[in-house]
Amino acid sequence: METRQGELELPFPELSGDQPPIPVRMLNEHVYCPRLAYLMWVQGEWMESADTIEGRHRHKRVDKPAGDLPDAEQAEAERIEIHARSITLSSNKLGLIARLDLIEGEGNIVTPVDYKRGKRPHTARGVYDPERVQLCAQGLLLREHGYVCEEGAIYYVESRERVRVPFDEELLALTRKAIAELRAMAAGGRIPPPLEDSPKCPRCSLVTICLPDEVRFLKSPELAPRPLAVSRHEALPLYIQQHNAKLSKKGEVLEVSKDDNVLATARIGETSQVVLMGNVYITTPCLAELMQRDIPVTWHSYGGWFYGHTVGNGHKNVELRTAQYRASFDERVCLRLARGFVVAKIANQRTMLRRNWKPQDKPERALADLKRIQQQAERADSLETLLGIEGNAAAIYFAHFRGLLRAAAAEDEAIVQAFDFTQRNRRPPTDPVNAMLSFAYTLLVRTLHVSLQAVGFDPYRGFYHQPRYGRPALALDLMEPFRPLLADSVVIQVINNGEIHPSDFVSAAGSVNLAPDGRKRFIAAFERRLSHEVTHPLFGYRLDYRRLLELQARLLGRFLLGELEDYPNFTTR
């Protein structure tokens, strides 16, 4: 008769130093999807969805503390009846911390009750494994505090059903395994791979951060990605450029006023960021509310020069910034990324000339030269060489930029003269077209600056653009391929559609800038362009440029963290 040696259960190593305890909720996420738990706990990622908002709303009542949890020995001695809500327990031995929705019992025998939105699932146990593990971990915490806890319960709010969950040996083993796996995964510092074609992904609130299908596709393009990252941005920026205007908060509404007269209002929930241009001030309660909601406030000069931005605590993804800094000191990585940025920029410049050329004869020589220079950029062996190649491409592109404007053939001589573009100049721009190009680049770098900060990057540490005081080098890096598509295209549009007129500019000391009314219309055109939908050339689904900029930033993060072999730049067809 064969005998088996019994397994000796080894205790978890007790937490020491500044090691953080695992939130029990993260065990739920780990069993559900290890990658999701890593994103949320280790990298500090989070994004709201309709499900998370509804769940938080249904959880309001149990989140209010009520009742006390006495010492276990006292409770047993006095046979105290226990009914305590929103109790936080932790254990260094288990390495766990949890806030328990409800603890019921008498004496030292207790039952944790966890509230879940929705209805009881139709499974054999009536509860999914992630919820069972979360509840069992709460039971282990209660045991560590001296209580007897042999079972728990889950209450489903929508169906108003309570399901008993016994803490049997199988569940205890599963819970201990989940704790060990999550601690080892966090200590290892390597994100788990995404789930493969899982039905869990489409409804996950972090799907546009995780990018499961996109990462899988870029590694192995047999299965086309599902359109997961294409939801529209319902919130939009609020621009304020009225001189001496005040921005304040009234309930859930932002109010723009001057001399106690309300000029405009915007709901906070529908505002993605606040853009202050010139002498505009904001009240402290309003700024605090925006910071609390992670709505950035960007500050500009009256002429549009980007000073910086104010945001709350910022992103917690230290791993991403560490990978960014490490790569920025690696000359090979910098050159590899820089080549991609410049090649994509030249390709998109060439596409702009090909698509938008107004004269009858196409600029075949220029298109051929840009193609040749693009190939040179692919082989550049240094950043200095790449800068020269980029300069040659820009010279050819802007030498033919006039051919993209209908103003050159206008009957009105004032329009012809105002928008007669001959060469690119800046600091200061000396003609209306250059003024609009400079302003469009300022708006674009501000947009990318905020997107990069939201993703977790340091916008000031780049790969192609070298760090200088006050220069958002990484925002300028990612901006290169999008200059023709998002900035130049807006300038072409407002001129060709007659949205901007020669009278919309002011000139002083050789510098030309947009007047307030013209700037309003130009900003509106720029925001419309960001809302324009395009088909992603790699993934095949449609998304607007706002989401595309965020997607490209996240793909860059996936490359720097080692999940992708290369960063896929965006080039339009």
Protein backbone atom coordinates (compact mmCIF):
# COMPACT_ATOMS: atom_id res chain seq x y z
CA MET A 1 0.00 0.00 0.00
CA GLU A 2 1.44 3.32 -1.13
CA THR A 3 1.66 6.05 1.46
CA ARG A 4 2.01 9.73 0.63
CA GLN A 5 3.96 12.14 2.71
CA GLY A 6 1.80 14.92 4.07
CA GLU A 7 2.42 18.46 2.90
CA LEU A 8 3.79 20.88 5.45
CA GLU A 9 2.15 24.28 5.13
CA LEU A 10 4.76 27.03 5.27
CA PRO A 11 3.66 30.36 6.71
CA PHE A 12 3.89 33.50 4.59
CA PRO A 13 7.02 35.53 5.34
CA GLU A 14 5.92 38.43 7.48
CA LEU A 15 6.05 41.87 5.89
CA SER A 16 9.03 43.95 6.88
CA GLY A 17 10.33 47.43 6.20
CA ASP A 18 8.18 49.46 3.84
CA GLN A 19 6.62 46.51 1.99
CA PRO A 20 2.97 47.37 1.40
CA PRO A 21 0.23 44.89 2.33
CA ILE A 22 -1.88 43.52 -0.51
CA PRO A 23 -5.40 45.00 -0.64
CA VAL A 24 -7.75 42.02 -0.51
CA ARG A 25 -9.64 43.46 -3.47
CA MET A 26 -6.48 42.93 -5.57
CA LEU A 27 -6.72 39.18 -4.87
CA ASN A 28 -10.11 39.29 -6.56
CA GLU A 29 -8.57 41.03 -9.57
CA HIS A 30 -5.63 38.62 -9.66
CA VAL A 31 -7.81 35.53 -9.82
CA TYR A 32 -9.97 37.24 -12.43
CA CYS A 33 -6.99 38.45 -14.50
CA PRO A 34 -3.37 38.61 -13.25
CA ARG A 35 -2.54 41.38 -15.71
CA LEU A 36 -5.40 43.51 -14.40
CA ALA A 37 -4.16 43.12 -10.82
CA TYR A 38 -0.63 44.10 -11.84
CA LEU A 39 -1.86 47.20 -13.70
CA MET A 40 -4.00 48.31 -10.78
CA TRP A 41 -1.78 47.49 -7.80
CA VAL A 42 1.81 47.67 -9.06
CA GLN A 43 1.46 50.32 -11.77
CA GLY A 44 -1.36 52.31 -10.15
CA GLU A 45 -3.56 52.34 -13.26
CA TRP A 46 -7.25 53.10 -13.03
CA MET A 47 -10.07 54.20 -15.30
CA GLU A 48 -13.74 54.58 -14.53
CA SER A 49 -16.45 52.76 -16.47
CA ALA A 50 -20.23 52.59 -16.23
CA ASP A 51 -19.88 49.37 -14.21
CA THR A 52 -17.44 50.84 -11.67
CA ILE A 53 -19.54 53.98 -11.21
CA GLU A 54 -22.70 51.93 -10.72
CA GLY A 55 -20.90 49.63 -8.28
CA ARG A 56 -19.63 52.55 -6.23
CA HIS A 57 -23.13 54.06 -6.13
CA ARG A 58 -24.69 50.80 -4.92
CA HIS A 59 -21.94 50.47 -2.31
CA LYS A 60 -22.58 53.83 -0.63
CA ARG A 61 -24.66 52.52 2.23
CA VAL A 62 -22.23 49.81 3.33
CA ASP A 63 -19.28 52.20 3.05
CA LYS A 64 -20.62 54.21 5.99
CA PRO A 65 -19.02 52.96 9.23
CA ALA A 66 -21.51 51.63 11.78
CA GLY A 67 -21.08 49.45 14.86
CA ASP A 68 -17.85 48.30 16.48
CA LEU A 69 -15.71 45.19 16.22
CA PRO A 70 -14.63 44.41 19.80
CA ASP A 71 -11.61 42.41 20.84
CA ALA A 72 -12.24 38.70 20.17
CA GLU A 73 -11.63 37.62 23.77
CA GLN A 74 -13.94 40.32 25.10
CA ALA A 75 -16.63 39.43 22.57
CA GLU A 76 -16.49 35.76 23.60
CA ALA A 77 -16.45 36.46 27.32
CA GLU A 78 -19.43 38.83 27.17
CA ARG A 79 -21.19 37.05 24.27
CA ILE A 80 -21.44 40.35 22.42
CA GLU A 81 -23.65 40.47 19.35
CA ILE A 82 -21.64 41.90 16.47
CA HIS A 83 -22.99 43.93 13.54
CA ALA A 84 -20.20 46.17 12.26
CA ARG A 85 -19.95 47.90 8.86
CA SER A 86 -16.92 49.23 6.95
CA ILE A 87 -14.24 47.78 9.24
CA THR A 88 -10.57 47.89 8.15
CA LEU A 89 -8.34 44.98 9.20
CA SER A 90 -4.72 44.21 8.34
CA SER A 91 -2.10 41.58 9.12
CA ASN A 92 1.66 41.70 8.58
CA LYS A 93 1.79 37.93 8.89
CA LEU A 94 -0.62 37.46 5.98
CA GLY A 95 0.57 40.60 4.20
CA LEU A 96 -3.06 41.67 3.66
CA ILE A 97 -5.29 44.66 4.31
CA ALA A 98 -9.02 44.88 3.72
CA ARG A 99 -12.07 46.96 4.42
CA LEU A 100 -14.90 44.57 5.23
CA ASP A 101 -18.40 45.63 4.22
CA LEU A 102 -20.18 43.87 7.08
CA ILE A 103 -19.20 41.58 9.96
CA GLU A 104 -21.97 39.67 11.73
CA GLY A 105 -21.77 37.23 14.63
CA GLU A 106 -22.02 36.56 18.32
CA GLY A 107 -19.12 36.19 20.70
CA ASN A 108 -15.97 35.28 18.81
CA ILE A 109 -17.78 33.46 15.97
CA VAL A 110 -18.23 35.85 13.04
CA THR A 111 -19.20 35.88 9.36
CA PRO A 112 -17.94 38.47 6.86
CA VAL A 113 -20.53 39.65 4.34
CA ASP A 114 -19.35 41.21 1.08
CA TYR A 115 -21.74 43.29 -1.06
CA LYS A 116 -21.65 42.92 -4.84
CA ARG A 117 -23.66 44.74 -7.45
CA GLY A 118 -25.69 42.72 -9.95
CA LYS A 119 -27.40 39.35 -9.64
CA ARG A 120 -26.26 36.00 -8.32
CA PRO A 121 -24.43 34.15 -11.11
CA HIS A 122 -25.81 30.82 -12.30
CA THR A 123 -22.84 28.68 -11.29
CA ALA A 124 -22.61 25.53 -9.23
CA ARG A 125 -21.42 27.41 -6.15
CA GLY A 126 -23.48 30.53 -6.81
CA VAL A 127 -20.31 32.63 -6.60
CA TYR A 128 -17.38 33.10 -8.95
CA ASP A 129 -13.88 32.15 -7.76
CA PRO A 130 -12.52 35.76 -7.59
CA GLU A 131 -15.29 36.72 -5.13
CA ARG A 132 -14.81 33.49 -3.13
CA VAL A 133 -11.08 34.19 -2.75
CA GLN A 134 -11.69 37.80 -1.72
CA LEU A 135 -14.18 36.71 0.92
CA CYS A 136 -11.93 33.90 2.19
CA ALA A 137 -9.05 36.38 2.58
CA GLN A 138 -11.33 38.47 4.78
CA GLY A 139 -11.99 35.36 6.83
CA LEU A 140 -8.25 34.76 7.22
CA LEU A 141 -7.84 38.31 8.49
CA LEU A 142 -10.59 37.78 11.06
CA ARG A 143 -8.89 34.56 12.20
CA GLU A 144 -5.60 36.48 12.62
CA HIS A 145 -7.46 38.84 14.96
CA GLY A 146 -8.60 35.96 17.15
CA TYR A 147 -12.06 35.23 15.74
CA VAL A 148 -13.51 31.92 14.65
CA CYS A 149 -14.54 32.30 11.01
CA GLU A 150 -15.59 29.19 9.11
CA GLU A 151 -17.71 30.78 6.37
CA GLY A 152 -18.70 34.05 4.74
CA ALA A 153 -21.54 35.33 2.60
CA ILE A 154 -21.97 37.46 -0.51
CA TYR A 155 -25.01 39.66 -0.91
CA TYR A 156 -26.02 40.52 -4.49
CA VAL A 157 -27.67 43.92 -4.45
CA GLU A 158 -29.69 43.71 -7.66
CA SER A 159 -31.24 40.28 -7.05
CA ARG A 160 -31.25 40.73 -3.25
CA GLU A 161 -29.85 37.26 -2.71
CA ARG A 162 -27.40 36.13 -0.06
CA VAL A 163 -25.10 33.24 -0.93
CA ARG A 164 -23.22 31.27 1.72
CA VAL A 165 -19.51 30.59 1.07
CA PRO A 166 -17.91 27.93 3.33
CA PHE A 167 -14.15 28.28 3.89
CA ASP A 168 -13.24 24.70 3.07
CA GLU A 169 -9.73 23.38 2.47
CA GLU A 170 -10.00 23.79 -1.30
CA LEU A 171 -10.89 27.49 -0.98
CA LEU A 172 -8.27 28.12 1.69
CA ALA A 173 -5.59 26.58 -0.55
CA LEU A 174 -6.78 28.64 -3.54
CA THR A 175 -6.67 31.84 -1.46
CA ARG A 176 -3.19 31.18 -0.08
CA LYS A 177 -1.97 30.39 -3.57
CA ALA A 178 -3.40 33.66 -4.89
CA ILE A 179 -1.66 35.63 -2.13
CA ALA A 180 1.69 33.99 -2.87
CA GLU A 181 1.32 34.46 -6.64
CA LEU A 182 0.39 38.13 -6.37
CA ARG A 183 3.25 38.91 -3.98
CA ALA A 184 5.73 37.07 -6.21
CA MET A 185 4.39 38.81 -9.34
CA ALA A 186 4.72 42.24 -7.76
CA ALA A 187 8.23 41.50 -6.49
CA GLY A 188 9.27 40.19 -9.91
CA GLY A 189 8.38 43.47 -11.59
CA ARG A 190 7.17 41.92 -14.84
CA ILE A 191 3.64 42.41 -16.09
CA PRO A 192 1.78 39.18 -16.99
CA PRO A 193 0.79 38.70 -20.63
CA PRO A 194 -2.74 39.70 -21.69
CA LEU A 195 -5.55 37.18 -21.82
CA GLU A 196 -6.04 35.56 -25.21
CA ASP A 197 -9.29 36.47 -26.97
CA SER A 198 -11.05 36.54 -23.60
CA PRO A 199 -14.70 37.62 -23.23
CA LYS A 200 -13.63 39.40 -20.03
CA CYS A 201 -11.69 42.08 -21.92
CA PRO A 202 -14.40 44.13 -23.68
CA ARG A 203 -16.15 45.10 -20.42
CA CYS A 204 -12.98 45.64 -18.40
CA SER A 205 -12.60 49.27 -17.36
CA LEU A 206 -8.84 49.09 -18.04
CA VAL A 207 -9.07 47.66 -21.55
CA THR A 208 -7.83 50.90 -23.18
CA ILE A 209 -4.84 50.84 -20.82
CA CYS A 210 -4.13 47.11 -20.99
CA LEU A 211 -4.49 46.90 -24.81
CA PRO A 212 -4.74 43.09 -24.79
CA ASP A 213 -5.63 42.60 -28.45
CA GLU A 214 -3.23 45.27 -29.67
CA VAL A 215 -0.27 43.78 -27.77
CA ARG A 216 -1.14 40.28 -28.98
CA PHE A 217 -1.54 41.47 -32.57
CA LEU A 218 1.81 43.30 -32.64
CA LYS A 219 3.50 40.15 -31.35
CA SER A 220 1.63 37.70 -33.55
CA PRO A 221 -0.70 39.21 -36.19
CA GLU A 222 -2.79 36.10 -36.90
CA LEU A 223 -5.89 37.46 -35.13
CA ALA A 224 -7.08 40.99 -35.87
CA PRO A 225 -7.78 43.09 -32.76
CA ARG A 226 -11.31 43.68 -31.61
CA PRO A 227 -12.21 47.40 -31.57
CA LEU A 228 -11.60 47.80 -27.84
CA ALA A 229 -9.92 51.19 -27.64
CA VAL A 230 -12.29 53.27 -29.73
CA SER A 231 -14.76 54.84 -27.31
CA ARG A 232 -15.20 58.56 -27.89
CA HIS A 233 -14.08 61.17 -25.42
CA GLU A 234 -17.29 62.70 -24.11
CA ALA A 235 -15.38 65.28 -22.04
CA LEU A 236 -13.80 68.19 -23.93
CA PRO A 237 -11.35 70.98 -23.02
CA LEU A 238 -12.61 74.32 -21.68
CA TYR A 239 -10.64 77.25 -23.16
CA ILE A 240 -10.71 80.64 -21.41
CA GLN A 241 -8.98 83.63 -22.99
CA GLN A 242 -11.16 86.56 -21.84
CA HIS A 243 -8.89 89.17 -20.20
CA ASN A 244 -9.35 89.33 -16.40
CA ALA A 245 -11.87 86.47 -16.45
CA LYS A 246 -12.44 84.36 -13.33
CA LEU A 247 -13.06 80.62 -13.22
CA SER A 248 -14.99 79.35 -10.20
CA LYS A 249 -17.03 76.33 -9.15
CA LYS A 250 -20.70 76.25 -8.36
CA GLY A 251 -21.83 72.76 -7.45
CA GLU A 252 -21.03 70.51 -10.40
CA VAL A 253 -20.63 73.44 -12.79
CA LEU A 254 -17.63 75.56 -13.78
CA GLU A 255 -18.48 79.25 -14.19
CA VAL A 256 -16.50 81.74 -16.26
CA SER A 257 -17.26 85.29 -15.21
CA LYS A 258 -15.99 88.84 -15.47
CA ASP A 259 -17.09 91.70 -13.23
CA ASP A 260 -19.71 89.39 -11.69
CA ASN A 261 -21.26 88.67 -15.09
CA VAL A 262 -21.36 84.99 -16.05
CA LEU A 263 -19.88 84.55 -19.53
CA ALA A 264 -20.03 80.77 -19.89
CA THR A 265 -20.60 77.56 -17.94
CA ALA A 266 -19.47 73.96 -18.32
CA ARG A 267 -20.27 70.84 -16.33
CA ILE A 268 -17.23 69.49 -14.49
CA GLY A 269 -18.03 65.92 -15.56
CA GLU A 270 -17.94 67.01 -19.21
CA THR A 271 -14.61 68.83 -18.94
CA SER A 272 -11.39 66.99 -19.83
CA GLN A 273 -9.04 69.87 -19.07
CA VAL A 274 -9.07 73.63 -18.51
CA VAL A 275 -6.91 75.85 -20.74
CA LEU A 276 -6.18 79.34 -19.38
CA MET A 277 -4.78 81.86 -21.87
CA GLY A 278 -3.47 85.17 -20.61
CA ASN A 279 -4.61 87.03 -17.51
CA VAL A 280 -7.24 84.56 -16.23
CA TYR A 281 -7.47 83.55 -12.60
CA ILE A 282 -9.03 80.56 -10.91
CA THR A 283 -10.44 80.29 -7.40
CA THR A 284 -8.82 77.98 -4.86
CA PRO A 285 -11.94 75.79 -4.33
CA CYS A 286 -12.25 75.37 -8.10
CA LEU A 287 -8.58 74.46 -8.53
CA ALA A 288 -8.77 71.99 -5.62
CA GLU A 289 -11.83 70.29 -7.15
CA LEU A 290 -10.15 69.99 -10.55
CA MET A 291 -7.00 68.55 -8.96
CA GLN A 292 -9.05 66.07 -6.94
CA ARG A 293 -10.72 64.85 -10.15
CA ASP A 294 -7.43 64.72 -12.08
CA ILE A 295 -8.62 67.38 -14.53
CA PRO A 296 -5.46 69.25 -15.58
CA VAL A 297 -5.28 73.03 -15.81
CA THR A 298 -2.86 74.25 -18.49
CA TRP A 299 -1.43 77.75 -18.43
CA HIS A 300 -0.57 79.79 -21.53
CA SER A 301 0.51 83.31 -22.33
CA TYR A 302 -2.08 85.50 -24.02
CA GLY A 303 -0.40 84.73 -27.34
CA GLY A 304 -0.66 80.99 -26.68
CA TRP A 305 2.84 80.11 -25.38
CA PHE A 306 2.56 77.03 -23.18
CA TYR A 307 3.86 77.70 -19.65
CA GLY A 308 2.94 74.44 -17.93
CA HIS A 309 0.07 72.71 -16.23
CA THR A 310 -1.38 71.94 -12.82
CA VAL A 311 -2.63 68.48 -11.96
CA GLY A 312 -3.34 66.46 -8.82
CA ASN A 313 -0.98 63.87 -7.36
CA GLY A 314 -0.05 62.66 -10.82
CA HIS A 315 0.31 59.13 -12.07
CA LYS A 316 1.67 56.39 -9.79
CA ASN A 317 3.27 54.24 -12.50
CA VAL A 318 6.89 54.43 -11.33
CA GLU A 319 7.79 51.39 -13.45
CA LEU A 320 6.98 53.27 -16.64
CA ARG A 321 9.02 56.34 -15.72
CA THR A 322 11.94 54.13 -14.63
CA ALA A 323 11.86 52.38 -18.01
CA GLN A 324 11.62 55.76 -19.76
CA TYR A 325 14.66 57.16 -17.95
CA ARG A 326 16.66 53.98 -18.48
CA ALA A 327 15.96 53.97 -22.22
CA SER A 328 16.66 57.70 -22.56
CA PHE A 329 20.28 57.06 -21.52
CA ASP A 330 20.69 54.24 -24.05
CA GLU A 331 21.96 55.74 -27.31
CA ARG A 332 20.79 52.75 -29.35
CA VAL A 333 17.22 52.98 -28.05
CA CYS A 334 17.16 56.75 -28.55
CA LEU A 335 18.34 56.44 -32.16
CA ARG A 336 15.92 53.60 -32.86
CA LEU A 337 12.94 55.60 -31.59
CA ALA A 338 14.13 58.85 -33.18
CA ARG A 339 14.43 57.18 -36.59
CA GLY A 340 10.87 55.97 -36.27
CA PHE A 341 9.55 59.43 -35.33
CA VAL A 342 11.29 61.14 -38.24
CA VAL A 343 10.46 58.45 -40.81
CA ALA A 344 6.78 58.65 -39.83
CA LYS A 345 6.83 62.46 -39.98
CA ILE A 346 8.35 62.51 -43.48
CA ALA A 347 5.89 59.84 -44.66
CA ASN A 348 2.96 61.91 -43.37
CA GLN A 349 4.36 65.11 -44.92
CA ARG A 350 4.56 63.31 -48.25
CA THR A 351 0.97 62.11 -47.86
CA MET A 352 -0.18 65.67 -47.11
CA LEU A 353 1.41 66.95 -50.33
CA ARG A 354 -0.04 64.12 -52.37
CA ARG A 355 -3.56 64.44 -51.00
CA ASN A 356 -3.98 68.20 -50.73
CA TRP A 357 -2.10 69.56 -53.75
CA LYS A 358 -4.20 72.24 -55.47
CA PRO A 359 -2.41 73.05 -58.78
CA GLN A 360 -3.04 70.74 -61.71
CA ASP A 361 0.52 69.38 -61.97
CA LYS A 362 1.48 67.15 -59.04
CA PRO A 363 4.85 67.87 -57.36
CA GLU A 364 6.33 64.56 -58.52
CA ARG A 365 9.93 65.69 -57.93
CA ALA A 366 9.17 66.74 -54.36
CA LEU A 367 7.33 63.48 -53.64
CA ALA A 368 10.24 61.46 -55.00
CA ASP A 369 12.74 63.49 -52.98
CA LEU A 370 10.75 63.01 -49.78
CA LYS A 371 10.61 59.26 -50.44
CA ARG A 372 14.39 59.19 -50.90
CA ILE A 373 14.99 61.25 -47.74
CA GLN A 374 12.62 58.99 -45.80
CA GLN A 375 14.80 56.03 -46.77
CA GLN A 376 17.87 57.97 -45.65
CA ALA A 377 16.24 58.54 -42.26
CA GLU A 378 15.70 54.81 -41.89
CA ARG A 379 19.46 54.31 -42.18
CA ALA A 380 20.63 57.30 -40.09
CA ASP A 381 23.47 56.32 -37.76
CA SER A 382 23.27 59.23 -35.29
CA LEU A 383 20.85 61.80 -33.93
CA GLU A 384 22.90 64.59 -35.51
CA THR A 385 22.60 62.96 -38.95
CA LEU A 386 18.89 62.48 -38.37
CA LEU A 387 18.44 66.18 -37.54
CA GLY A 388 20.02 67.11 -40.84
CA ILE A 389 17.83 64.67 -42.75
CA GLU A 390 14.71 65.98 -41.03
CA GLY A 391 15.74 69.55 -41.91
CA ASN A 392 16.13 68.63 -45.60
CA ALA A 393 12.68 67.06 -45.65
CA ALA A 394 11.13 70.09 -43.93
CA ALA A 395 12.76 72.44 -46.47
CA ILE A 396 11.21 70.51 -49.38
CA TYR A 397 7.83 70.17 -47.66
CA PHE A 398 7.46 73.84 -46.71
CA ALA A 399 8.80 74.98 -50.09
CA HIS A 400 5.71 73.34 -51.57
CA PHE A 401 3.29 74.17 -48.73
CA ARG A 402 1.86 77.09 -50.73
CA GLY A 403 0.50 74.58 -53.22
CA LEU A 404 -1.82 73.19 -50.52
CA LEU A 405 -3.59 76.55 -50.06
CA ARG A 406 -6.48 77.81 -52.18
CA ALA A 407 -5.57 81.36 -51.17
CA ALA A 408 -2.83 81.42 -53.82
CA ALA A 409 -5.54 81.35 -56.51
CA ALA A 410 -8.04 83.63 -54.74
CA GLU A 411 -9.53 86.59 -56.55
CA ASP A 412 -9.24 88.84 -53.49
CA GLU A 413 -5.75 90.37 -53.54
CA ALA A 414 -5.80 90.90 -49.76
CA ILE A 415 -6.27 87.15 -49.21
CA VAL A 416 -3.50 86.32 -51.68
CA GLN A 417 -1.06 88.64 -49.94
CA ALA A 418 -2.04 87.63 -46.38
CA PHE A 419 -1.67 83.91 -46.98
CA ASP A 420 1.24 84.03 -49.43
CA PHE A 421 3.49 81.48 -47.75
CA THR A 422 7.10 81.29 -48.93
CA GLN A 423 9.09 79.75 -46.07
CA ARG A 424 8.76 78.55 -42.50
CA ASN A 425 9.84 81.07 -39.86
CA ARG A 426 9.22 81.43 -36.14
CA ARG A 427 10.25 83.25 -32.96
CA PRO A 428 8.50 85.41 -33.94
CA PRO A 429 6.36 84.35 -36.91
CA THR A 430 6.34 87.16 -39.49
CA ASP A 431 3.23 86.29 -41.53
CA PRO A 432 -0.27 84.87 -40.87
CA VAL A 433 0.45 81.34 -42.12
CA ASN A 434 3.53 80.99 -39.93
CA ALA A 435 1.62 82.46 -36.99
CA MET A 436 -1.06 79.78 -37.35
CA LEU A 437 1.51 77.01 -37.78
CA SER A 438 3.28 78.07 -34.58
CA PHE A 439 0.01 78.33 -32.68
CA ALA A 440 -1.12 74.91 -33.94
CA TYR A 441 2.16 73.32 -32.81
CA THR A 442 1.69 74.94 -29.38
CA LEU A 443 -1.82 73.46 -29.09
CA LEU A 444 -0.57 70.06 -30.20
CA VAL A 445 2.38 69.92 -27.80
CA ARG A 446 0.05 70.94 -24.97
CA THR A 447 -2.37 68.15 -25.93
CA LEU A 448 0.40 65.55 -26.01
CA HIS A 449 1.96 66.89 -22.80
CA VAL A 450 -1.31 66.26 -20.93
CA SER A 451 -1.81 62.85 -22.59
CA LEU A 452 1.70 61.69 -21.67
CA GLN A 453 1.30 62.87 -18.09
CA ALA A 454 -2.03 61.02 -17.83
CA VAL A 455 -0.43 57.81 -19.11
CA GLY A 456 2.41 58.07 -16.57
CA PHE A 457 5.34 59.45 -18.56
CA ASP A 458 7.62 62.34 -17.70
CA PRO A 459 6.97 64.66 -20.68
CA TYR A 460 10.32 66.39 -20.19
CA ARG A 461 12.58 63.38 -20.81
CA GLY A 462 12.69 62.47 -24.49
CA PHE A 463 14.67 60.34 -26.90
CA TYR A 464 15.05 62.45 -30.06
CA HIS A 465 14.65 65.92 -28.59
CA GLN A 466 17.34 66.31 -25.95
CA PRO A 467 16.40 67.67 -22.51
CA ARG A 468 16.50 71.42 -22.02
CA TYR A 469 15.08 73.51 -19.22
CA GLY A 470 11.33 73.82 -19.63
CA ARG A 471 11.12 71.88 -22.92
CA PRO A 472 8.70 68.92 -22.99
CA ALA A 473 11.06 66.74 -25.01
CA LEU A 474 8.94 63.56 -25.04
CA ALA A 475 5.83 65.50 -26.10
CA LEU A 476 7.86 66.95 -28.98
CA ASP A 477 9.08 63.44 -29.88
CA LEU A 478 5.61 61.97 -30.18
CA MET A 479 4.38 65.11 -31.90
CA GLU A 480 6.66 64.70 -34.92
CA PRO A 481 4.50 62.25 -36.91
CA PHE A 482 1.37 64.25 -36.05
CA ARG A 483 2.59 67.71 -37.05
CA PRO A 484 1.35 67.33 -40.65
CA LEU A 485 -1.83 65.46 -39.69
CA LEU A 486 -3.08 67.57 -36.78
CA ALA A 487 -1.37 70.96 -36.97
CA ASP A 488 -0.60 71.65 -40.64
CA SER A 489 -3.95 70.20 -41.71
CA VAL A 490 -5.84 72.63 -39.45
CA VAL A 491 -3.97 75.60 -40.95
CA ILE A 492 -4.80 74.34 -44.45
CA GLN A 493 -8.45 73.83 -43.48
CA VAL A 494 -9.10 77.25 -41.92
CA ILE A 495 -7.53 79.01 -44.90
CA ASN A 496 -9.17 76.92 -47.62
CA ASN A 497 -12.60 76.99 -45.94
CA GLY A 498 -12.45 80.72 -45.24
CA GLU A 499 -12.72 80.27 -41.48
CA ILE A 500 -9.82 82.64 -40.84
CA HIS A 501 -9.54 86.00 -42.64
CA PRO A 502 -6.70 88.51 -43.07
CA SER A 503 -8.47 90.77 -40.57
CA ASP A 504 -8.07 88.10 -37.84
CA PHE A 505 -4.40 88.96 -37.27
CA VAL A 506 -2.53 91.65 -35.39
CA SER A 507 1.01 92.78 -36.14
CA ALA A 508 3.51 94.45 -33.82
CA ALA A 509 7.28 94.90 -34.06
CA GLY A 510 7.51 92.49 -36.97
CA SER A 511 5.56 89.74 -35.19
CA VAL A 512 2.18 88.48 -36.39
CA ASN A 513 -0.37 86.75 -34.15
CA LEU A 514 -4.02 85.77 -34.24
CA ALA A 515 -6.47 88.26 -32.76
CA PRO A 516 -8.88 86.98 -30.04
CA ASP A 517 -11.82 86.23 -32.37
CA GLY A 518 -9.60 84.49 -34.91
CA ARG A 519 -7.92 82.49 -32.16
CA LYS A 520 -11.32 81.26 -30.96
CA ARG A 521 -12.22 79.99 -34.41
CA PHE A 522 -8.78 78.43 -34.86
CA ILE A 523 -9.04 76.61 -31.51
CA ALA A 524 -12.49 75.34 -32.50
CA ALA A 525 -11.07 74.01 -35.78
CA PHE A 526 -8.19 72.32 -33.91
CA GLU A 527 -10.57 70.62 -31.47
CA ARG A 528 -12.75 69.45 -34.38
CA ARG A 529 -9.67 67.92 -35.95
CA LEU A 530 -8.89 66.05 -32.74
CA SER A 531 -12.43 64.66 -32.83
CA HIS A 532 -12.03 63.48 -36.43
CA GLU A 533 -12.09 59.68 -36.77
CA VAL A 534 -9.50 57.72 -38.74
CA THR A 535 -8.92 54.04 -39.40
CA HIS A 536 -5.84 52.74 -37.64
CA PRO A 537 -3.54 51.30 -40.35
CA LEU A 538 -2.41 48.42 -38.11
CA PHE A 539 -5.44 47.51 -36.03
CA GLY A 540 -8.15 48.21 -38.59
CA TYR A 541 -10.67 49.89 -36.28
CA ARG A 542 -11.76 53.53 -36.27
CA LEU A 543 -10.94 55.97 -33.50
CA ASP A 544 -10.63 59.71 -33.13
CA TYR A 545 -7.31 61.52 -32.90
CA ARG A 546 -7.75 62.19 -29.18
CA ARG A 547 -7.89 58.47 -28.47
CA LEU A 548 -5.17 57.82 -31.04
CA LEU A 549 -2.69 60.08 -29.23
CA GLU A 550 -3.37 58.23 -25.99
CA LEU A 551 -3.11 54.86 -27.75
CA GLN A 552 0.28 55.78 -29.23
CA ALA A 553 1.54 56.90 -25.82
CA ARG A 554 0.47 53.61 -24.26
CA LEU A 555 2.07 51.60 -27.06
CA LEU A 556 5.30 53.47 -26.41
CA GLY A 557 5.00 52.42 -22.78
CA ARG A 558 4.48 48.80 -23.78
CA PHE A 559 7.68 48.99 -25.88
CA LEU A 560 9.74 50.56 -23.10
CA LEU A 561 8.50 47.98 -20.60
CA GLY A 562 9.62 45.18 -22.89
CA GLU A 563 6.23 43.87 -24.06
CA LEU A 564 6.72 44.95 -27.68
CA GLU A 565 9.80 44.50 -29.83
CA ASP A 566 9.30 47.87 -31.54
CA TYR A 567 7.22 51.02 -31.20
CA PRO A 568 4.66 51.24 -34.05
CA ASN A 569 4.53 54.84 -35.27
CA PHE A 570 1.34 56.11 -36.90
CA THR A 571 1.46 56.83 -40.62
CA THR A 572 -1.68 57.61 -42.57
CA ARG A 573 -2.41 55.96 -45.87
